[in-house]
Amino acid sequence: QVQLVESGGGLVQAGGSLRLSCAASGRTFSSYTMGWFRQAPGKEREFVAAINWSLSTFYADSVKGRCTISRDNTKNSVYLQMASLKPEDTAVYYCAQGRRSRSFLVSYTSADYAYWGQGTQVTVSS
């Protein structure tokens, strides 16, 4: 059974930075795409960023240039470094693991991710 545990959320002022972490267990971490999604109150869950097994990275236009996704396969962990945060970045951020091993294709759709963490709240004050 795969488990994903996020940490690092919190309250930050606009323009500030946060680093989210997600620790994974349960299957060969290095073989799977890892993604970050977020969901704001009253809104659909949306894609933020992903990194595949070959370390290619993908970003939503809304965070491109402000966020960096990375992974440490020795620690079974994925990270999301966020900078220049805006109030509209306020949301619960979820870590997710892709369904297919060693896939070069990265989906921006939540249904293509098999496992999810419990989420961590990020609040950006203006």
Protein backbone atom coordinates (compact mmCIF):
# COMPACT_ATOMS: atom_id res chain seq x y z
CA GLN A 1 0.00 0.00 0.00
CA VAL A 2 1.41 3.37 -1.04
CA GLN A 3 1.39 6.15 1.51
CA LEU A 4 2.11 9.79 0.77
CA VAL A 5 2.59 12.30 3.56
CA GLU A 6 2.86 16.01 2.83
CA SER A 7 4.38 18.64 5.07
CA GLY A 8 5.59 22.21 4.90
CA GLY A 9 2.38 24.14 4.45
CA GLY A 10 1.55 27.20 6.48
CA LEU A 11 0.69 30.87 6.51
CA VAL A 12 2.90 33.21 4.54
CA GLN A 13 2.67 36.78 3.35
CA ALA A 14 2.33 37.61 -0.31
CA GLY A 15 5.72 37.57 -1.95
CA GLY A 16 7.03 34.97 0.47
CA SER A 17 8.23 31.43 -0.08
CA LEU A 18 7.39 27.94 1.11
CA ARG A 19 8.81 24.51 0.50
CA LEU A 20 6.41 21.60 0.50
CA SER A 21 7.64 18.06 1.02
CA CYS A 22 6.03 14.70 0.36
CA ALA A 23 7.42 11.46 1.72
CA ALA A 24 6.36 8.27 -0.05
CA SER A 25 6.40 4.63 0.90
CA GLY A 26 5.04 1.41 -0.53
CA ARG A 27 6.52 0.85 -3.99
CA THR A 28 9.55 1.73 -6.08
CA PHE A 29 9.40 5.50 -5.75
CA SER A 30 11.94 6.30 -8.44
CA SER A 31 9.87 4.63 -11.17
CA TYR A 32 6.78 6.81 -10.88
CA THR A 33 5.72 10.28 -11.82
CA MET A 34 5.10 12.46 -8.80
CA GLY A 35 2.75 15.40 -8.98
CA TRP A 36 1.47 18.30 -6.94
CA PHE A 37 -2.12 19.44 -7.21
CA ARG A 38 -4.06 22.05 -5.27
CA GLN A 39 -7.64 22.76 -4.41
CA ALA A 40 -8.97 26.09 -3.26
CA PRO A 41 -12.33 26.40 -1.49
CA GLY A 42 -15.19 26.07 -3.95
CA LYS A 43 -12.88 25.21 -6.83
CA GLU A 44 -11.87 22.09 -8.70
CA ARG A 45 -8.60 20.38 -7.89
CA GLU A 46 -5.96 21.64 -10.32
CA PHE A 47 -2.56 20.53 -11.51
CA VAL A 48 0.44 22.45 -10.21
CA ALA A 49 3.57 20.55 -11.19
CA ALA A 50 4.94 17.08 -11.89
CA ILE A 51 8.25 15.32 -12.27
CA ASN A 52 8.60 11.99 -14.02
CA TRP A 53 11.00 9.12 -13.44
CA SER A 54 13.51 10.60 -15.90
CA LEU A 55 13.44 13.92 -13.99
CA SER A 56 11.56 15.90 -16.63
CA THR A 57 9.45 18.59 -15.03
CA PHE A 58 6.11 20.10 -15.96
CA TYR A 59 4.30 23.14 -14.59
CA ALA A 60 0.93 24.79 -14.77
CA ASP A 61 1.11 28.18 -16.43
CA SER A 62 -0.12 29.80 -13.23
CA VAL A 63 3.00 28.77 -11.30
CA LYS A 64 5.64 28.59 -14.04
CA GLY A 65 8.68 30.61 -13.05
CA ARG A 66 7.61 30.72 -9.40
CA CYS A 67 7.65 27.04 -8.45
CA THR A 68 10.24 24.31 -8.74
CA ILE A 69 9.49 20.62 -8.35
CA SER A 70 12.25 18.21 -7.47
CA ARG A 71 12.67 14.71 -6.13
CA ASP A 72 15.20 12.84 -4.04
CA ASN A 73 14.90 9.16 -4.83
CA THR A 74 17.28 8.25 -2.02
CA LYS A 75 14.74 9.71 0.41
CA ASN A 76 11.59 8.68 -1.49
CA SER A 77 10.57 12.30 -1.41
CA VAL A 78 9.30 14.99 -3.74
CA TYR A 79 9.42 18.72 -3.09
CA LEU A 80 7.70 21.84 -4.30
CA GLN A 81 9.61 25.06 -3.77
CA MET A 82 7.24 27.99 -4.13
CA ALA A 83 8.33 31.61 -4.38
CA SER A 84 6.67 34.97 -4.99
CA LEU A 85 3.51 33.57 -3.50
CA LYS A 86 0.21 35.28 -4.22
CA PRO A 87 -3.09 35.19 -2.34
CA GLU A 88 -4.53 33.16 -5.22
CA ASP A 89 -2.05 30.40 -4.40
CA THR A 90 -4.03 29.75 -1.21
CA ALA A 91 -5.23 26.16 -1.32
CA VAL A 92 -4.78 22.69 0.06
CA TYR A 93 -1.81 21.18 -1.75
CA TYR A 94 -1.79 17.47 -2.49
CA CYS A 95 1.01 15.16 -3.46
CA ALA A 96 0.12 12.37 -5.88
CA GLN A 97 1.81 9.40 -7.52
CA GLY A 98 1.20 8.35 -11.09
CA ARG A 99 -0.28 5.03 -12.11
CA ARG A 100 2.28 3.76 -14.58
CA SER A 101 5.88 2.81 -13.93
CA ARG A 102 8.56 4.47 -16.08
CA SER A 103 6.14 6.51 -18.09
CA PHE A 104 7.48 9.46 -20.06
CA LEU A 105 3.96 10.79 -20.45
CA VAL A 106 2.89 13.11 -17.66
CA SER A 107 -0.76 13.76 -17.08
CA TYR A 108 -2.21 17.00 -15.79
CA THR A 109 -5.39 15.16 -14.85
CA SER A 110 -5.96 14.03 -11.29
CA ALA A 111 -7.69 10.83 -12.42
CA ASP A 112 -4.37 9.60 -13.84
CA TYR A 113 -2.78 9.58 -10.42
CA ALA A 114 -3.28 6.49 -8.31
CA TYR A 115 -2.30 7.57 -4.84
CA TRP A 116 -2.78 10.78 -2.90
CA GLY A 117 -1.62 12.35 0.30
CA GLN A 118 -3.89 13.95 2.84
CA GLY A 119 -2.96 17.48 1.78
CA THR A 120 -1.25 20.42 3.42
CA GLN A 121 -2.78 23.87 3.73
CA VAL A 122 -1.04 26.86 2.18
CA THR A 123 -2.45 30.27 3.04
CA VAL A 124 -1.05 33.42 1.48
CA SER A 125 -2.09 36.67 3.09
CA SER A 126 -2.19 39.94 1.19
